[in-house]
């Protein structure tokens, strides 16, 4: 949506808006917000709104704690579930220092810089996430239990699927907010659901994913349920993935460069895929940022090895069956606990670097890797098996340092090393997951 600050102010005045939320993403993918009244919005656009960055994990210390939020007019959304009269709207914000300079830990700005690199080379990267989540019942105090909403399975219908009304409510709410869901269904796990929304430019896709998660949690809570985006909330059930569909458009022609991948005549797109395959191990820390993330790999359609194929769901990257503008690659390793801005930036940068190096796409691995013999898998690179391994690879990565910056990387790694150490010291790993992640992710 291309909208100016003046147009936003007119909308606020004409539509009985009484409350404004300024949202932003912290370093670890959690949405935060501060609320202002409508009269304060012109000042927010012009001068920003101050907040205590020392209270946000990974941002600043108390000695230099002030940062400013600048609402992006293009991200204006009305919150349909808020009670009337008097509307509530939300913006996604950019973060700046008091002197107006960029805040180096603003992950949204990291993604904007990568997008600008694509634009300078006349490419547009389009992203469509497929996000899985679980619905759990709550106790008499409203706290989440580990009892799933239902015992349904993949594509089941009522009465096995008890989540269809929740998904419908979520989809209608997203539509009212200008986010276009495409499909929704019950997933493989008991109480597990998936909602996919239409592809868009990378910045909008990241903004929308942040909003999507808040909508899912809000509507679940309104229905007396708890929505969990934890990668592996139930040890014996499928984990929740965030499959990322990516296509590449040549500007100004608008040609989808992925259209000929299946026919073997798409050098730019093939190099893009090859770069992502080559760099996935070293960016996995940002695609799968929790100790719990690594419980998911290698089972229930989650990948374990670095490989690609057509349509094959046992692969890290697959090319789904599609035609025309919908031809794309699907990256299957990420999970919903990630920071979408950092994740999308690193995936895109890996692909762009490879385009410029004209990296060749390795041969497809056209086998079921869940049942493949060791003679097949021993030649493949495995994804990191733990958070510790992912940290080690990220620290050595020149790509990660170039994209997110050494200061942001050092901060992120410091927190993740402490998290990994706490997990290693925990006697009860399941209790660690429950206390550290379950009610928060």
Protein backbone atom coordinates (compact mmCIF):
# COMPACT_ATOMS: atom_id res chain seq x y z
CA UNK A 1 0.00 0.00 0.00
CA UNK A 2 1.48 3.32 -1.13
CA UNK A 3 0.19 5.90 1.31
CA UNK A 4 1.62 9.18 2.63
CA UNK A 5 1.67 10.53 6.17
CA UNK A 6 -0.86 13.21 5.21
CA UNK A 7 -3.23 10.58 3.83
CA UNK A 8 -2.89 8.59 7.03
CA UNK A 9 -3.72 11.62 9.16
CA UNK A 10 -6.82 12.24 7.05
CA UNK A 11 -7.86 8.59 7.47
CA UNK A 12 -7.39 8.83 11.24
CA UNK A 13 -9.59 11.91 11.36
CA UNK A 14 -12.36 10.54 9.13
CA UNK A 15 -12.61 7.04 10.62
CA UNK A 16 -13.04 7.63 14.34
CA UNK A 17 -9.58 6.29 15.25
CA UNK A 18 -9.05 6.72 19.00
CA UNK A 19 -5.96 4.66 19.68
CA UNK A 20 -2.74 4.06 17.76
CA UNK A 21 -0.25 1.25 18.31
CA UNK A 22 3.32 1.64 17.12
CA UNK A 23 4.74 -1.85 16.63
CA UNK A 24 8.29 -3.00 16.00
CA UNK A 25 10.28 -6.20 16.04
CA UNK A 26 12.98 -6.91 18.60
CA UNK A 27 16.20 -8.69 17.70
CA UNK A 28 14.70 -12.12 18.37
CA UNK A 29 11.46 -11.86 16.38
CA UNK A 30 9.07 -10.73 19.13
CA UNK A 31 6.68 -7.91 18.33
CA UNK A 32 6.66 -5.00 20.77
CA UNK A 33 4.55 -1.88 20.78
CA UNK A 34 3.86 1.46 22.39
CA UNK A 35 0.48 3.21 22.13
CA UNK A 36 -0.22 6.86 21.43
CA UNK A 37 -3.33 8.99 20.99
CA UNK A 38 -4.27 10.36 17.54
CA UNK A 39 -3.11 13.90 18.34
CA UNK A 40 0.42 12.58 18.82
CA UNK A 41 0.67 10.96 15.40
CA UNK A 42 1.87 14.05 13.41
CA UNK A 43 4.76 14.38 15.87
CA UNK A 44 5.51 10.67 15.58
CA UNK A 45 5.86 10.99 11.81
CA UNK A 46 8.03 14.09 12.11
CA UNK A 47 10.18 13.43 15.18
CA UNK A 48 9.55 9.84 16.29
CA UNK A 49 8.35 8.48 19.62
CA UNK A 50 10.93 7.76 22.29
CA UNK A 51 11.16 4.48 24.20
CA UNK A 52 13.54 2.86 26.68
CA UNK A 53 15.71 0.59 24.53
CA UNK A 54 17.52 -0.80 27.58
CA UNK A 55 14.31 -2.66 28.45
CA UNK A 56 14.31 -4.48 25.08
CA UNK A 57 16.59 -7.53 25.07
CA UNK A 58 19.51 -7.06 22.70
CA UNK A 59 18.98 -3.34 21.99
CA UNK A 60 20.81 -0.96 24.36
CA UNK A 61 22.16 -0.63 27.90
CA UNK A 62 20.96 1.94 30.44
CA UNK A 63 23.85 4.32 29.81
CA UNK A 64 22.54 5.16 26.34
CA UNK A 65 19.00 3.92 26.32
CA UNK A 66 16.88 6.27 24.18
CA UNK A 67 15.68 5.23 20.75
CA UNK A 68 12.91 6.58 18.50
CA UNK A 69 10.08 4.83 16.65
CA UNK A 70 9.05 6.25 13.26
CA UNK A 71 5.77 4.76 11.97
CA UNK A 72 5.82 3.66 8.33
CA UNK A 73 2.64 5.12 6.75
CA UNK A 74 2.44 2.20 4.30
CA UNK A 75 1.88 -0.25 7.15
CA UNK A 76 -1.36 1.28 8.46
CA UNK A 77 -3.76 -1.48 9.53
CA UNK A 78 -7.02 -1.36 11.46
CA UNK A 79 -7.33 -3.97 14.23
CA UNK A 80 -10.75 -5.52 13.51
CA UNK A 81 -10.99 -7.44 16.78
CA UNK A 82 -10.71 -4.38 19.02
CA UNK A 83 -14.01 -3.22 20.56
CA UNK A 84 -15.76 -0.06 19.37
CA UNK A 85 -16.71 2.66 19.28
CA UNK A 86 -13.40 4.22 18.33
CA UNK A 87 -11.05 2.32 16.07
CA UNK A 88 -7.60 1.03 16.95
CA UNK A 89 -4.90 1.06 14.26
CA UNK A 90 -1.37 -0.25 14.16
CA UNK A 91 1.79 0.75 12.31
CA UNK A 92 5.07 -1.08 11.89
CA UNK A 93 7.91 1.27 12.74
CA UNK A 94 11.50 1.91 11.78
CA UNK A 95 13.91 2.54 14.65
CA UNK A 96 16.40 5.40 14.76
CA UNK A 97 18.91 6.92 17.13
CA UNK A 98 18.13 10.32 18.74
CA UNK A 99 20.35 12.03 16.14
CA UNK A 100 18.26 10.55 13.32
CA UNK A 101 20.80 7.96 12.23
CA UNK A 102 19.92 4.32 11.65
CA UNK A 103 19.87 2.01 14.67
CA UNK A 104 22.18 -0.87 13.79
CA UNK A 105 20.01 -3.44 15.59
CA UNK A 106 16.86 -2.52 13.65
CA UNK A 107 16.30 -5.74 11.73
CA UNK A 108 13.73 -4.08 9.46
CA UNK A 109 16.46 -1.74 8.24
CA UNK A 110 18.74 -4.72 7.61
CA UNK A 111 16.14 -6.17 5.23
CA UNK A 112 15.58 -2.79 3.54
CA UNK A 113 19.28 -2.61 2.67
CA UNK A 114 19.24 -6.04 1.05
CA UNK A 115 16.09 -5.13 -0.91
CA UNK A 116 17.90 -2.02 -2.16
CA UNK A 117 20.75 -4.23 -3.45
CA UNK A 118 18.20 -6.22 -5.46
CA UNK A 119 16.62 -3.06 -6.84
CA UNK A 120 19.98 -1.71 -7.99
CA UNK A 121 20.37 -4.91 -10.04
CA UNK A 122 16.80 -4.72 -11.38
CA UNK A 123 15.48 -7.68 -9.40
CA UNK A 124 12.37 -7.95 -7.24
CA UNK A 125 12.23 -10.78 -4.73
CA UNK A 126 8.73 -12.02 -3.88
CA UNK A 127 8.07 -14.07 -0.74
CA UNK A 128 5.07 -16.11 0.37
CA UNK A 129 5.29 -17.75 3.82
CA UNK A 130 3.40 -20.89 4.87
CA UNK A 131 3.12 -20.81 8.63
CA UNK A 132 2.16 -23.72 10.89
CA UNK A 133 1.00 -23.43 14.49
CA UNK A 134 -0.70 -25.45 17.23
CA UNK A 135 -3.88 -24.64 19.13
CA UNK A 136 -3.93 -25.73 22.78
CA UNK A 137 -6.65 -25.61 25.39
CA UNK A 138 -6.24 -23.34 28.42
CA UNK A 139 -6.89 -24.01 32.09
CA UNK A 140 -9.32 -22.27 34.45
CA UNK A 141 -6.82 -19.40 34.86
CA UNK A 142 -6.43 -18.92 31.12
CA UNK A 143 -2.92 -20.37 31.11
CA UNK A 144 -1.92 -22.73 28.27
CA UNK A 145 -2.03 -26.47 28.78
CA UNK A 146 -0.39 -29.13 26.61
CA UNK A 147 -3.81 -30.51 25.65
CA UNK A 148 -4.40 -29.88 21.95
CA UNK A 149 -7.69 -28.51 20.65
CA UNK A 150 -8.37 -31.69 18.68
CA UNK A 151 -6.93 -35.02 17.50
CA UNK A 152 -7.31 -34.29 13.80
CA UNK A 153 -4.73 -34.93 11.07
CA UNK A 154 -3.76 -33.58 7.67
CA UNK A 155 -6.68 -31.94 5.81
CA UNK A 156 -9.24 -33.44 8.18
CA UNK A 157 -12.68 -31.86 8.47
CA UNK A 158 -15.09 -31.45 11.37
CA UNK A 159 -15.70 -33.06 13.77
CA UNK A 160 -12.08 -34.29 13.79
CA UNK A 161 -10.94 -30.78 12.88
CA UNK A 162 -12.10 -28.43 15.62
CA UNK A 163 -10.03 -25.49 14.38
CA UNK A 164 -11.91 -24.62 11.20
CA UNK A 165 -13.92 -21.79 12.79
CA UNK A 166 -10.77 -20.31 14.35
CA UNK A 167 -8.94 -20.43 11.01
CA UNK A 168 -11.91 -18.82 9.25
CA UNK A 169 -12.00 -16.03 11.82
CA UNK A 170 -8.26 -15.50 11.43
CA UNK A 171 -8.51 -15.39 7.63
CA UNK A 172 -11.40 -12.92 7.65
CA UNK A 173 -9.55 -10.73 10.12
CA UNK A 174 -6.41 -10.77 7.97
CA UNK A 175 -8.47 -9.79 4.92
CA UNK A 176 -9.89 -6.81 6.80
CA UNK A 177 -6.31 -5.79 7.59
CA UNK A 178 -5.27 -5.95 3.94
CA UNK A 179 -3.36 -9.25 4.23
CA UNK A 180 -4.57 -11.85 1.73
CA UNK A 181 -4.67 -15.46 2.97
CA UNK A 182 -4.73 -18.04 0.18
CA UNK A 183 -5.34 -21.40 1.87
CA UNK A 184 -5.93 -22.74 5.37
CA UNK A 185 -6.25 -26.28 6.65
CA UNK A 186 -5.61 -28.72 9.46
CA UNK A 187 -2.02 -29.94 9.46
CA UNK A 188 -0.57 -33.36 10.36
CA UNK A 189 -0.33 -32.90 14.12
CA UNK A 190 -3.22 -32.95 16.62
CA UNK A 191 -4.41 -29.37 16.97
CA UNK A 192 -1.94 -28.25 14.29
CA UNK A 193 -3.02 -25.73 11.67
CA UNK A 194 -1.58 -23.94 8.67
CA UNK A 195 -2.50 -20.68 6.98
CA UNK A 196 -0.70 -19.52 3.84
CA UNK A 197 -0.95 -15.98 2.54
CA UNK A 198 -0.34 -14.53 -0.90
CA UNK A 199 3.20 -13.71 -1.91
CA UNK A 200 4.32 -10.08 -1.79
CA UNK A 201 7.50 -8.06 -1.78
CA UNK A 202 9.96 -9.09 0.92
CA UNK A 203 9.38 -6.15 3.29
CA UNK A 204 5.60 -6.51 3.19
CA UNK A 205 5.95 -10.28 3.67
CA UNK A 206 8.04 -9.75 6.81
CA UNK A 207 5.68 -7.08 8.16
CA UNK A 208 2.68 -9.31 7.41
CA UNK A 209 4.21 -12.32 9.12
CA UNK A 210 4.77 -10.28 12.27
CA UNK A 211 1.14 -9.11 12.15
CA UNK A 212 -0.12 -12.61 11.28
CA UNK A 213 1.35 -14.13 14.43
CA UNK A 214 -0.22 -11.44 16.61
CA UNK A 215 -3.61 -11.96 14.93
CA UNK A 216 -3.47 -15.73 15.43
CA UNK A 217 -2.61 -15.34 19.11
CA UNK A 218 -5.25 -12.65 19.69
CA UNK A 219 -8.08 -14.60 18.05
CA UNK A 220 -7.07 -17.86 19.73
CA UNK A 221 -7.12 -16.10 23.11
CA UNK A 222 -10.52 -14.57 22.33
CA UNK A 223 -11.79 -18.12 21.83
CA UNK A 224 -10.29 -19.41 25.08
CA UNK A 225 -7.33 -21.10 23.36
CA UNK A 226 -3.58 -20.67 23.17
CA UNK A 227 -1.73 -20.52 19.84
CA UNK A 228 1.86 -21.76 19.89
CA UNK A 229 4.49 -21.09 17.23
CA UNK A 230 7.08 -23.16 19.09
CA UNK A 231 8.97 -25.29 16.54
CA UNK A 232 8.42 -28.62 18.34
CA UNK A 233 5.85 -28.24 21.13
CA UNK A 234 5.01 -31.96 21.31
CA UNK A 235 7.88 -34.47 21.23
CA UNK A 236 5.99 -37.23 19.38
CA UNK A 237 4.11 -35.00 16.95
CA UNK A 238 5.13 -33.02 13.85
CA UNK A 239 6.99 -29.78 14.39
CA UNK A 240 5.76 -26.45 13.04
CA UNK A 241 7.61 -25.11 10.03
CA UNK A 242 7.66 -21.79 8.25
CA UNK A 243 8.08 -22.76 4.62
CA UNK A 244 9.31 -19.77 2.64
CA UNK A 245 8.28 -19.59 -1.04
CA UNK A 246 10.52 -17.32 -3.08
CA UNK A 247 10.43 -16.10 -6.67
CA UNK A 248 12.57 -13.60 -8.52
CA UNK A 249 11.25 -11.04 -10.97
CA UNK A 250 13.34 -9.26 -13.60
CA UNK A 251 12.63 -5.53 -13.79
CA UNK A 252 11.26 -3.71 -15.69
CA UNK A 253 9.98 -6.64 -17.79
CA UNK A 254 8.20 -8.34 -14.87
CA UNK A 255 9.44 -11.76 -16.02
CA UNK A 256 9.46 -14.48 -13.34
CA UNK A 257 12.99 -15.88 -13.59
CA UNK A 258 11.91 -19.14 -11.95
CA UNK A 259 9.56 -20.10 -14.79
CA UNK A 260 12.14 -22.20 -16.64
CA UNK A 261 13.75 -23.93 -13.65
CA UNK A 262 11.89 -27.16 -14.34
CA UNK A 263 13.09 -27.04 -17.96
CA UNK A 264 16.72 -26.42 -17.03
CA UNK A 265 17.00 -23.04 -18.74
CA UNK A 266 17.00 -20.50 -15.94
CA UNK A 267 20.60 -19.65 -15.11
CA UNK A 268 19.85 -16.70 -12.81
CA UNK A 269 17.20 -18.54 -10.81
CA UNK A 270 19.36 -21.66 -10.60
CA UNK A 271 22.29 -19.63 -9.27
CA UNK A 272 19.94 -18.03 -6.76
CA UNK A 273 18.87 -21.47 -5.48
CA UNK A 274 22.47 -22.69 -5.48
CA UNK A 275 23.54 -19.79 -3.28
CA UNK A 276 20.83 -20.50 -0.74
CA UNK A 277 21.80 -24.18 -0.66
CA UNK A 278 25.45 -23.25 -0.18
CA UNK A 279 24.81 -20.78 2.63
CA UNK A 280 21.92 -22.35 4.55
CA UNK A 281 24.14 -24.07 7.16
CA UNK A 282 25.76 -20.77 8.15
CA UNK A 283 22.50 -18.79 8.27
CA UNK A 284 20.54 -21.52 10.10
CA UNK A 285 21.07 -19.73 13.43
CA UNK A 286 18.70 -17.03 12.12
CA UNK A 287 16.26 -19.45 10.47
CA UNK A 288 16.03 -21.78 13.47
CA UNK A 289 17.03 -19.71 16.51
CA UNK A 290 15.94 -21.91 19.45
CA UNK A 291 17.36 -25.04 21.05
CA UNK A 292 13.94 -26.55 20.39
CA UNK A 293 14.25 -25.79 16.65
CA UNK A 294 16.65 -28.69 16.16
CA UNK A 295 14.20 -31.26 17.51
CA UNK A 296 12.18 -30.76 14.34
CA UNK A 297 14.78 -31.62 11.69
CA UNK A 298 14.71 -34.99 9.95
CA UNK A 299 11.16 -36.15 10.64
CA UNK A 300 7.54 -35.37 9.75
CA UNK A 301 8.48 -33.64 6.46
CA UNK A 302 11.16 -31.42 7.99
CA UNK A 303 14.51 -31.57 6.14
CA UNK A 304 17.82 -32.80 7.50
CA UNK A 305 20.18 -32.43 4.53
CA UNK A 306 21.17 -29.68 2.10
CA UNK A 307 19.60 -30.80 -1.17
CA UNK A 308 16.93 -29.90 -3.70
CA UNK A 309 14.46 -31.58 -6.03
CA UNK A 310 11.22 -31.05 -7.93
CA UNK A 311 8.10 -31.34 -5.70
CA UNK A 312 9.90 -33.68 -3.23
CA UNK A 313 8.96 -32.77 0.35
CA UNK A 314 11.91 -34.58 1.91
CA UNK A 315 14.28 -31.96 0.50
CA UNK A 316 15.54 -28.68 1.92
CA UNK A 317 14.52 -26.88 -1.28
CA UNK A 318 11.81 -28.06 -3.60
CA UNK A 319 10.27 -26.60 -6.74
CA UNK A 320 6.50 -27.00 -6.29
CA UNK A 321 4.32 -27.87 -9.26
CA UNK A 322 3.07 -24.55 -10.67
CA UNK A 323 2.91 -22.52 -13.86
CA UNK A 324 3.61 -18.92 -14.85
CA UNK A 325 4.07 -16.35 -12.13
CA UNK A 326 3.53 -18.97 -9.41
CA UNK A 327 6.67 -20.97 -10.21
CA UNK A 328 8.99 -20.59 -7.25
CA UNK A 329 11.35 -22.32 -4.86
CA UNK A 330 10.27 -23.42 -1.40
CA UNK A 331 12.77 -23.38 1.48
CA UNK A 332 11.56 -25.87 4.08
CA UNK A 333 13.98 -25.61 7.01
CA UNK A 334 12.92 -22.33 8.74
CA UNK A 335 10.50 -22.34 11.66
CA UNK A 336 8.07 -19.69 13.01
CA UNK A 337 10.29 -18.60 15.92
CA UNK A 338 12.59 -16.63 13.62
CA UNK A 339 12.93 -12.88 13.14
CA UNK A 340 11.45 -12.54 9.62
CA UNK A 341 13.47 -9.44 8.70
CA UNK A 342 16.83 -11.03 9.49
CA UNK A 343 15.83 -14.38 7.98
CA UNK A 344 14.56 -12.94 4.70
CA UNK A 345 17.57 -10.61 4.42
CA UNK A 346 20.06 -13.47 4.81
CA UNK A 347 18.23 -15.82 2.43
CA UNK A 348 17.99 -13.13 -0.23
CA UNK A 349 21.61 -12.03 0.20
CA UNK A 350 22.81 -15.63 -0.17
CA UNK A 351 20.94 -15.91 -3.45
CA UNK A 352 22.10 -12.56 -4.80
CA UNK A 353 25.75 -13.25 -3.97
CA UNK A 354 25.51 -16.49 -5.92
CA UNK A 355 23.88 -14.82 -8.94
CA UNK A 356 26.84 -12.49 -9.21
CA UNK A 357 29.26 -15.41 -8.83
CA UNK A 358 27.22 -17.44 -11.38
CA UNK A 359 27.25 -20.45 -9.06
CA UNK A 360 25.98 -23.62 -10.71
CA UNK A 361 23.06 -25.50 -9.21
CA UNK A 362 24.12 -28.99 -8.07
CA UNK A 363 22.20 -32.00 -9.39
CA UNK A 364 18.77 -32.68 -7.91
CA UNK A 365 18.46 -35.44 -5.32
CA UNK A 366 15.35 -37.21 -6.55
CA UNK A 367 14.88 -39.67 -3.69
CA UNK A 368 12.96 -39.82 -0.43
CA UNK A 369 15.64 -38.76 2.04
CA UNK A 370 13.66 -40.08 5.02
CA UNK A 371 14.12 -43.64 3.74
CA UNK A 372 17.26 -43.23 1.62
CA UNK A 373 20.24 -45.51 2.14
CA UNK A 374 23.41 -44.14 3.73
CA UNK A 375 25.11 -44.46 0.35
CA UNK A 376 22.93 -41.51 -0.72
CA UNK A 377 22.96 -39.38 2.44
CA UNK A 378 26.68 -39.69 3.27
CA UNK A 379 27.55 -37.42 0.35
CA UNK A 380 25.12 -34.69 1.46
CA UNK A 381 25.81 -31.83 3.85
CA UNK A 382 23.65 -32.05 6.95
CA UNK A 383 21.93 -29.07 8.51
CA UNK A 384 23.27 -28.08 11.95
CA UNK A 385 22.12 -30.57 14.56
CA UNK A 386 22.03 -28.15 17.48
CA UNK A 387 21.97 -24.48 18.38
CA UNK A 388 25.67 -24.71 19.31
CA UNK A 389 26.59 -25.92 15.82
CA UNK A 390 24.49 -23.21 14.20
CA UNK A 391 26.18 -20.52 16.33
CA UNK A 392 29.64 -21.76 15.36
CA UNK A 393 28.82 -21.67 11.64
CA UNK A 394 27.24 -18.19 11.85
CA UNK A 395 30.23 -16.75 13.70
CA UNK A 396 32.54 -17.86 10.88
CA UNK A 397 30.27 -16.63 8.08
CA UNK A 398 31.43 -13.67 6.02
CA UNK A 399 27.93 -13.45 4.53
CA UNK A 400 26.24 -13.12 7.93
CA UNK A 401 28.71 -10.44 9.04
CA UNK A 402 28.24 -8.50 5.80
CA UNK A 403 24.41 -8.58 5.99
CA UNK A 404 23.60 -8.07 9.68
CA UNK A 405 26.83 -6.36 10.74
CA UNK A 406 29.41 -7.52 13.27
CA UNK A 407 27.81 -5.63 16.17
CA UNK A 408 24.35 -7.16 15.68
CA UNK A 409 25.86 -10.61 15.13
CA UNK A 410 27.93 -10.37 18.32
CA UNK A 411 24.89 -9.33 20.34
CA UNK A 412 22.69 -12.07 18.88
CA UNK A 413 25.35 -14.74 19.38
CA UNK A 414 26.00 -13.70 22.98
CA UNK A 415 22.36 -14.26 23.91
CA UNK A 416 22.17 -17.52 21.98
CA UNK A 417 25.33 -18.90 23.57
CA UNK A 418 23.85 -18.22 26.99
CA UNK A 419 20.64 -19.94 25.92
CA UNK A 420 22.52 -22.98 24.61
CA UNK A 421 24.56 -23.20 27.81
CA UNK A 422 21.43 -23.07 29.95
CA UNK A 423 19.90 -25.85 27.86
CA UNK A 424 23.04 -27.99 28.19
CA UNK A 425 22.94 -27.56 31.97
CA UNK A 426 19.23 -28.37 32.26
CA UNK A 427 18.55 -31.80 33.73
CA UNK A 428 15.04 -31.94 32.30
CA UNK A 429 15.15 -30.82 28.65
CA UNK A 430 11.39 -31.03 28.27
CA UNK A 431 10.89 -28.78 31.31
CA UNK A 432 13.40 -26.33 29.81
CA UNK A 433 11.37 -26.13 26.61
CA UNK A 434 8.12 -25.69 28.51
CA UNK A 435 9.44 -22.96 30.80
CA UNK A 436 11.61 -21.12 28.28
CA UNK A 437 9.54 -21.30 25.09
CA UNK A 438 6.08 -22.81 25.31
CA UNK A 439 4.05 -19.92 26.68
CA UNK A 440 6.10 -17.23 24.88
CA UNK A 441 6.68 -18.35 21.29
